[in-house]
Amino acid sequence: MTETVKRIFADHPASVGESYFEHLTRATFIGVRMVASGFACLVHALVPSAFTHTGSQTIERLHREVIALRNRQANRS
């Protein structure tokens, strides 16, 4: 693996204790949830009575999950 390829695809996942595919899966799952919540927020902008808590609840859940993941990874080190 060339140094550039390693830097692009392996360094960050390794820095958080994941393989490339573990990181791909986790980041994709988080991203999909963020996009879906974003669409709900756009609908809420047009119809204020729709999705009244979706955006804030998604942010809170994702924050808790990411912090818990960081803590688990820090404990492994």
PDB file of N, CA and C in Angstrom:
ATOM      1  N   MET A   1       0.864  -1.166   0.000  1.00  0.00           N
ATOM      2  CA  MET A   1       0.000   0.000   0.000  1.00  0.00           C
ATOM      3  C   MET A   1       0.911   1.228   0.000  1.00  0.00           C
ATOM      4  N   THR A   2       0.694   2.109  -0.952  1.00  0.00           N
ATOM      5  CA  THR A   2       1.518   3.313  -0.980  1.00  0.00           C
ATOM      6  C   THR A   2       1.155   4.205   0.197  1.00  0.00           C
ATOM      7  N   GLU A   3       2.050   5.089   0.535  1.00  0.00           N
ATOM      8  CA  GLU A   3       1.833   5.977   1.678  1.00  0.00           C
ATOM      9  C   GLU A   3       0.598   6.857   1.490  1.00  0.00           C
ATOM     10  N   THR A   4       0.371   7.346   0.280  1.00  0.00           N
ATOM     11  CA  THR A   4      -0.795   8.191   0.018  1.00  0.00           C
ATOM     12  C   THR A   4      -2.086   7.404   0.189  1.00  0.00           C
ATOM     13  N   VAL A   5      -2.133   6.215  -0.352  1.00  0.00           N
ATOM     14  CA  VAL A   5      -3.330   5.374  -0.224  1.00  0.00           C
ATOM     15  C   VAL A   5      -3.570   5.041   1.244  1.00  0.00           C
ATOM     16  N   LYS A   6      -2.511   4.693   1.950  1.00  0.00           N
ATOM     17  CA  LYS A   6      -2.642   4.399   3.383  1.00  0.00           C
ATOM     18  C   LYS A   6      -3.179   5.610   4.134  1.00  0.00           C
ATOM     19  N   ARG A   7      -2.636   6.787   3.826  1.00  0.00           N
ATOM     20  CA  ARG A   7      -3.082   8.003   4.501  1.00  0.00           C
ATOM     21  C   ARG A   7      -4.565   8.272   4.236  1.00  0.00           C
ATOM     22  N   ILE A   8      -4.984   8.073   3.003  1.00  0.00           N
ATOM     23  CA  ILE A   8      -6.371   8.371   2.622  1.00  0.00           C
ATOM     24  C   ILE A   8      -7.356   7.364   3.206  1.00  0.00           C
ATOM     25  N   PHE A   9      -7.016   6.067   3.165  1.00  0.00           N
ATOM     26  CA  PHE A   9      -7.991   5.036   3.500  1.00  0.00           C
ATOM     27  C   PHE A   9      -7.790   4.330   4.838  1.00  0.00           C
ATOM     28  N   ALA A  10      -6.614   4.395   5.420  1.00  0.00           N
ATOM     29  CA  ALA A  10      -6.369   3.573   6.609  1.00  0.00           C
ATOM     30  C   ALA A  10      -6.023   4.358   7.864  1.00  0.00           C
ATOM     31  N   ASP A  11      -5.381   5.500   7.728  1.00  0.00           N
ATOM     32  CA  ASP A  11      -4.889   6.202   8.916  1.00  0.00           C
ATOM     33  C   ASP A  11      -6.005   6.616   9.876  1.00  0.00           C
ATOM     34  N   HIS A  12      -7.024   7.288   9.364  1.00  0.00           N
ATOM     35  CA  HIS A  12      -8.083   7.729  10.275  1.00  0.00           C
ATOM     36  C   HIS A  12      -8.832   6.558  10.918  1.00  0.00           C
ATOM     37  N   PRO A  13      -9.310   5.573  10.145  1.00  0.00           N
ATOM     38  CA  PRO A  13      -9.970   4.443  10.808  1.00  0.00           C
ATOM     39  C   PRO A  13      -9.093   3.801  11.884  1.00  0.00           C
ATOM     40  N   ALA A  14      -7.812   3.641  11.596  1.00  0.00           N
ATOM     41  CA  ALA A  14      -6.907   3.048  12.586  1.00  0.00           C
ATOM     42  C   ALA A  14      -6.796   3.933  13.823  1.00  0.00           C
ATOM     43  N   SER A  15      -6.842   5.253  13.625  1.00  0.00           N
ATOM     44  CA  SER A  15      -6.710   6.168  14.763  1.00  0.00           C
ATOM     45  C   SER A  15      -7.897   6.092  15.721  1.00  0.00           C
ATOM     46  N   VAL A  16      -9.018   5.582  15.237  1.00  0.00           N
ATOM     47  CA  VAL A  16     -10.198   5.418  16.109  1.00  0.00           C
ATOM     48  C   VAL A  16     -10.462   3.943  16.409  1.00  0.00           C
ATOM     49  N   GLY A  17      -9.473   3.091  16.132  1.00  0.00           N
ATOM     50  CA  GLY A  17      -9.560   1.680  16.501  1.00  0.00           C
ATOM     51  C   GLY A  17     -10.467   0.844  15.620  1.00  0.00           C
ATOM     52  N   GLU A  18     -10.603   1.233  14.356  1.00  0.00           N
ATOM     53  CA  GLU A  18     -11.473   0.490  13.442  1.00  0.00           C
ATOM     54  C   GLU A  18     -10.716   0.122  12.182  1.00  0.00           C
ATOM     55  N   SER A  19     -11.191  -0.925  11.539  1.00  0.00           N
ATOM     56  CA  SER A  19     -10.685  -1.242  10.206  1.00  0.00           C
ATOM     57  C   SER A  19     -11.385  -0.305   9.219  1.00  0.00           C
ATOM     58  N   TYR A  20     -10.919  -0.315   7.989  1.00  0.00           N
ATOM     59  CA  TYR A  20     -11.574   0.510   6.965  1.00  0.00           C
ATOM     60  C   TYR A  20     -13.057   0.159   6.848  1.00  0.00           C
ATOM     61  N   PHE A  21     -13.367  -1.141   6.802  1.00  0.00           N
ATOM     62  CA  PHE A  21     -14.760  -1.553   6.603  1.00  0.00           C
ATOM     63  C   PHE A  21     -15.625  -1.311   7.830  1.00  0.00           C
ATOM     64  N   GLU A  22     -15.060  -1.435   9.012  1.00  0.00           N
ATOM     65  CA  GLU A  22     -15.816  -1.072  10.228  1.00  0.00           C
ATOM     66  C   GLU A  22     -16.155   0.415  10.201  1.00  0.00           C
ATOM     67  N   HIS A  23     -15.180   1.228   9.838  1.00  0.00           N
ATOM     68  CA  HIS A  23     -15.399   2.668   9.784  1.00  0.00           C
ATOM     69  C   HIS A  23     -16.396   3.025   8.686  1.00  0.00           C
ATOM     70  N   LEU A  24     -16.280   2.376   7.541  1.00  0.00           N
ATOM     71  CA  LEU A  24     -17.216   2.600   6.442  1.00  0.00           C
ATOM     72  C   LEU A  24     -18.645   2.318   6.890  1.00  0.00           C
ATOM     73  N   THR A  25     -18.845   1.199   7.553  1.00  0.00           N
ATOM     74  CA  THR A  25     -20.180   0.811   8.008  1.00  0.00           C
ATOM     75  C   THR A  25     -20.729   1.806   9.029  1.00  0.00           C
ATOM     76  N   ARG A  26     -19.927   2.129  10.037  1.00  0.00           N
ATOM     77  CA  ARG A  26     -20.384   3.035  11.092  1.00  0.00           C
ATOM     78  C   ARG A  26     -20.671   4.430  10.541  1.00  0.00           C
ATOM     79  N   ALA A  27     -19.756   4.965   9.732  1.00  0.00           N
ATOM     80  CA  ALA A  27     -19.931   6.309   9.191  1.00  0.00           C
ATOM     81  C   ALA A  27     -21.125   6.371   8.236  1.00  0.00           C
ATOM     82  N   THR A  28     -21.329   5.317   7.463  1.00  0.00           N
ATOM     83  CA  THR A  28     -22.482   5.281   6.558  1.00  0.00           C
ATOM     84  C   THR A  28     -23.780   5.271   7.352  1.00  0.00           C
ATOM     85  N   PHE A  29     -23.848   4.449   8.391  1.00  0.00           N
ATOM     86  CA  PHE A  29     -25.052   4.365   9.214  1.00  0.00           C
ATOM     87  C   PHE A  29     -25.363   5.723   9.851  1.00  0.00           C
ATOM     88  N   ILE A  30     -24.346   6.385  10.381  1.00  0.00           N
ATOM     89  CA  ILE A  30     -24.552   7.700  10.995  1.00  0.00           C
ATOM     90  C   ILE A  30     -24.978   8.705   9.929  1.00  0.00           C
ATOM     91  N   GLY A  31     -24.326   8.687   8.781  1.00  0.00           N
ATOM     92  CA  GLY A  31     -24.659   9.622   7.710  1.00  0.00           C
ATOM     93  C   GLY A  31     -26.081   9.464   7.203  1.00  0.00           C
ATOM     94  N   VAL A  32     -26.526   8.235   7.040  1.00  0.00           N
ATOM     95  CA  VAL A  32     -27.900   7.991   6.574  1.00  0.00           C
ATOM     96  C   VAL A  32     -28.905   8.542   7.585  1.00  0.00           C
ATOM     97  N   ARG A  33     -28.636   8.329   8.864  1.00  0.00           N
ATOM     98  CA  ARG A  33     -29.529   8.857   9.894  1.00  0.00           C
ATOM     99  C   ARG A  33     -29.557  10.389   9.874  1.00  0.00           C
ATOM    100  N   MET A  34     -28.401  11.009   9.640  1.00  0.00           N
ATOM    101  CA  MET A  34     -28.344  12.462   9.578  1.00  0.00           C
ATOM    102  C   MET A  34     -29.119  13.002   8.373  1.00  0.00           C
ATOM    103  N   VAL A  35     -28.961  12.358   7.228  1.00  0.00           N
ATOM    104  CA  VAL A  35     -29.668  12.794   6.023  1.00  0.00           C
ATOM    105  C   VAL A  35     -31.175  12.638   6.202  1.00  0.00           C
ATOM    106  N   ALA A  36     -31.610  11.498   6.737  1.00  0.00           N
ATOM    107  CA  ALA A  36     -33.049  11.277   6.955  1.00  0.00           C
ATOM    108  C   ALA A  36     -33.600  12.321   7.914  1.00  0.00           C
ATOM    109  N   SER A  37     -32.865  12.610   8.968  1.00  0.00           N
ATOM    110  CA  SER A  37     -33.306  13.635   9.917  1.00  0.00           C
ATOM    111  C   SER A  37     -33.339  15.004   9.251  1.00  0.00           C
ATOM    112  N   GLY A  38     -32.370  15.272   8.382  1.00  0.00           N
ATOM    113  CA  GLY A  38     -32.351  16.544   7.656  1.00  0.00           C
ATOM    114  C   GLY A  38     -33.580  16.709   6.777  1.00  0.00           C
ATOM    115  N   PHE A  39     -33.978  15.639   6.102  1.00  0.00           N
ATOM    116  CA  PHE A  39     -35.196  15.705   5.293  1.00  0.00           C
ATOM    117  C   PHE A  39     -36.420  15.959   6.176  1.00  0.00           C
ATOM    118  N   ALA A  40     -36.456  15.313   7.333  1.00  0.00           N
ATOM    119  CA  ALA A  40     -37.570  15.558   8.256  1.00  0.00           C
ATOM    120  C   ALA A  40     -37.590  17.020   8.687  1.00  0.00           C
ATOM    121  N   CYS A  41     -36.428  17.607   8.904  1.00  0.00           N
ATOM    122  CA  CYS A  41     -36.360  19.026   9.276  1.00  0.00           C
ATOM    123  C   CYS A  41     -36.860  19.920   8.146  1.00  0.00           C
ATOM    124  N   LEU A  42     -36.550  19.548   6.905  1.00  0.00           N
ATOM    125  CA  LEU A  42     -37.047  20.339   5.770  1.00  0.00           C
ATOM    126  C   LEU A  42     -38.569  20.258   5.670  1.00  0.00           C
ATOM    127  N   VAL A  43     -39.113  19.076   5.903  1.00  0.00           N
ATOM    128  CA  VAL A  43     -40.574  18.940   5.916  1.00  0.00           C
ATOM    129  C   VAL A  43     -41.145  19.769   7.069  1.00  0.00           C
ATOM    130  N   HIS A  44     -40.505  19.714   8.219  1.00  0.00           N
ATOM    131  CA  HIS A  44     -40.943  20.495   9.376  1.00  0.00           C
ATOM    132  C   HIS A  44     -40.948  21.995   9.058  1.00  0.00           C
ATOM    133  N   ALA A  45     -39.972  22.456   8.279  1.00  0.00           N
ATOM    134  CA  ALA A  45     -39.930  23.868   7.909  1.00  0.00           C
ATOM    135  C   ALA A  45     -41.174  24.269   7.125  1.00  0.00           C
ATOM    136  N   LEU A  46     -41.652  23.362   6.288  1.00  0.00           N
ATOM    137  CA  LEU A  46     -42.843  23.648   5.474  1.00  0.00           C
ATOM    138  C   LEU A  46     -44.135  23.386   6.230  1.00  0.00           C
ATOM    139  N   VAL A  47     -44.146  22.358   7.073  1.00  0.00           N
ATOM    140  CA  VAL A  47     -45.332  21.963   7.836  1.00  0.00           C
ATOM    141  C   VAL A  47     -44.900  21.881   9.306  1.00  0.00           C
ATOM    142  N   PRO A  48     -44.993  22.981  10.039  1.00  0.00           N
ATOM    143  CA  PRO A  48     -44.464  23.033  11.398  1.00  0.00           C
ATOM    144  C   PRO A  48     -44.983  21.967  12.357  1.00  0.00           C
ATOM    145  N   SER A  49     -46.153  21.426  12.103  1.00  0.00           N
ATOM    146  CA  SER A  49     -46.680  20.406  13.004  1.00  0.00           C
ATOM    147  C   SER A  49     -46.108  19.016  12.723  1.00  0.00           C
ATOM    148  N   ALA A  50     -45.360  18.873  11.642  1.00  0.00           N
ATOM    149  CA  ALA A  50     -44.768  17.575  11.285  1.00  0.00           C
ATOM    150  C   ALA A  50     -43.350  17.469  11.840  1.00  0.00           C
ATOM    151  N   PHE A  51     -43.005  16.297  12.317  1.00  0.00           N
ATOM    152  CA  PHE A  51     -41.633  16.006  12.770  1.00  0.00           C
ATOM    153  C   PHE A  51     -41.127  17.047  13.776  1.00  0.00           C
ATOM    154  N   THR A  52     -41.923  17.340  14.766  1.00  0.00           N
ATOM    155  CA  THR A  52     -41.594  18.421  15.692  1.00  0.00           C
ATOM    156  C   THR A  52     -40.378  18.141  16.565  1.00  0.00           C
ATOM    157  N   HIS A  53     -40.012  16.885  16.758  1.00  0.00           N
ATOM    158  CA  HIS A  53     -38.873  16.557  17.620  1.00  0.00           C
ATOM    159  C   HIS A  53     -37.800  15.727  16.914  1.00  0.00           C
ATOM    160  N   THR A  54     -38.012  15.380  15.663  1.00  0.00           N
ATOM    161  CA  THR A  54     -37.119  14.455  14.962  1.00  0.00           C
ATOM    162  C   THR A  54     -35.681  14.961  14.902  1.00  0.00           C
ATOM    163  N   GLY A  55     -35.482  16.192  14.503  1.00  0.00           N
ATOM    164  CA  GLY A  55     -34.131  16.730  14.369  1.00  0.00           C
ATOM    165  C   GLY A  55     -33.386  16.748  15.688  1.00  0.00           C
ATOM    166  N   SER A  56     -33.998  17.318  16.706  1.00  0.00           N
ATOM    167  CA  SER A  56     -33.311  17.431  17.996  1.00  0.00           C
ATOM    168  C   SER A  56     -33.088  16.059  18.630  1.00  0.00           C
ATOM    169  N   GLN A  57     -34.043  15.151  18.494  1.00  0.00           N
ATOM    170  CA  GLN A  57     -33.866  13.807  19.055  1.00  0.00           C
ATOM    171  C   GLN A  57     -32.748  13.053  18.337  1.00  0.00           C
ATOM    172  N   THR A  58     -32.663  13.212  17.029  1.00  0.00           N
ATOM    173  CA  THR A  58     -31.605  12.549  16.273  1.00  0.00           C
ATOM    174  C   THR A  58     -30.237  13.082  16.687  1.00  0.00           C
ATOM    175  N   ILE A  59     -30.127  14.393  16.824  1.00  0.00           N
ATOM    176  CA  ILE A  59     -28.868  14.999  17.252  1.00  0.00           C
ATOM    177  C   ILE A  59     -28.474  14.476  18.630  1.00  0.00           C
ATOM    178  N   GLU A  60     -29.424  14.444  19.553  1.00  0.00           N
ATOM    179  CA  GLU A  60     -29.128  13.960  20.906  1.00  0.00           C
ATOM    180  C   GLU A  60     -28.680  12.502  20.897  1.00  0.00           C
ATOM    181  N   ARG A  61     -29.396  11.653  20.157  1.00  0.00           N
ATOM    182  CA  ARG A  61     -29.038  10.228  20.098  1.00  0.00           C
ATOM    183  C   ARG A  61     -27.662  10.016  19.483  1.00  0.00           C
ATOM    184  N   LEU A  62     -27.420  10.676  18.350  1.00  0.00           N
ATOM    185  CA  LEU A  62     -26.133  10.514  17.691  1.00  0.00           C
ATOM    186  C   LEU A  62     -24.997  11.021  18.576  1.00  0.00           C
ATOM    187  N   HIS A  63     -25.217  12.114  19.264  1.00  0.00           N
ATOM    188  CA  HIS A  63     -24.194  12.638  20.163  1.00  0.00           C
ATOM    189  C   HIS A  63     -23.879  11.621  21.261  1.00  0.00           C
ATOM    190  N   ARG A  64     -24.909  11.072  21.883  1.00  0.00           N
ATOM    191  CA  ARG A  64     -24.694  10.062  22.929  1.00  0.00           C
ATOM    192  C   ARG A  64     -23.930   8.859  22.376  1.00  0.00           C
ATOM    193  N   GLU A  65     -24.329   8.388  21.201  1.00  0.00           N
ATOM    194  CA  GLU A  65     -23.684   7.217  20.609  1.00  0.00           C
ATOM    195  C   GLU A  65     -22.222   7.478  20.261  1.00  0.00           C
ATOM    196  N   VAL A  66     -21.934   8.633  19.689  1.00  0.00           N
ATOM    197  CA  VAL A  66     -20.557   8.942  19.305  1.00  0.00           C
ATOM    198  C   VAL A  66     -19.689   9.122  20.545  1.00  0.00           C
ATOM    199  N   ILE A  67     -20.201   9.784  21.569  1.00  0.00           N
ATOM    200  CA  ILE A  67     -19.433   9.952  22.813  1.00  0.00           C
ATOM    201  C   ILE A  67     -19.179   8.588  23.464  1.00  0.00           C
ATOM    202  N   ALA A  68     -20.181   7.727  23.496  1.00  0.00           N
ATOM    203  CA  ALA A  68     -20.004   6.385  24.071  1.00  0.00           C
ATOM    204  C   ALA A  68     -18.959   5.609  23.276  1.00  0.00           C
ATOM    205  N   LEU A  69     -18.989   5.719  21.959  1.00  0.00           N
ATOM    206  CA  LEU A  69     -18.001   5.050  21.112  1.00  0.00           C
ATOM    207  C   LEU A  69     -16.597   5.579  21.413  1.00  0.00           C
ATOM    208  N   ARG A  70     -16.449   6.881  21.509  1.00  0.00           N
ATOM    209  CA  ARG A  70     -15.137   7.468  21.834  1.00  0.00           C
ATOM    210  C   ARG A  70     -14.634   6.968  23.183  1.00  0.00           C
ATOM    211  N   ASN A  71     -15.532   6.892  24.161  1.00  0.00           N
ATOM    212  CA  ASN A  71     -15.132   6.422  25.489  1.00  0.00           C
ATOM    213  C   ASN A  71     -14.682   4.971  25.434  1.00  0.00           C
ATOM    214  N   ARG A  72     -15.400   4.114  24.698  1.00  0.00           N
ATOM    215  CA  ARG A  72     -15.008   2.721  24.557  1.00  0.00           C
ATOM    216  C   ARG A  72     -13.632   2.616  23.887  1.00  0.00           C
ATOM    217  N   GLN A  73     -13.432   3.420  22.849  1.00  0.00           N
ATOM    218  CA  GLN A  73     -12.158   3.378  22.140  1.00  0.00           C
ATOM    219  C   GLN A  73     -11.026   3.887  23.022  1.00  0.00           C
ATOM    220  N   ALA A  74     -11.288   4.905  23.832  1.00  0.00           N
ATOM    221  CA  ALA A  74     -10.263   5.438  24.741  1.00  0.00           C
ATOM    222  C   ALA A  74      -9.908   4.400  25.795  1.00  0.00           C
ATOM    223  N   ASN A  75     -10.891   3.643  26.248  1.00  0.00           N
ATOM    224  CA  ASN A  75     -10.647   2.614  27.277  1.00  0.00           C
ATOM    225  C   ASN A  75      -9.824   1.457  26.727  1.00  0.00           C
ATOM    226  N   ARG A  76      -9.905   1.202  25.417  1.00  0.00           N
ATOM    227  CA  ARG A  76      -9.111   0.142  24.794  1.00  0.00           C
ATOM    228  C   ARG A  76      -7.633   0.512  24.719  1.00  0.00           C
ATOM    229  N   SER A  77      -7.369   1.811  24.663  1.00  0.00           N
ATOM    230  CA  SER A  77      -5.976   2.293  24.503  1.00  0.00           C
ATOM    231  C   SER A  77      -5.179   2.155  25.763  1.00  0.00           C
TER     232      SER A  77
END
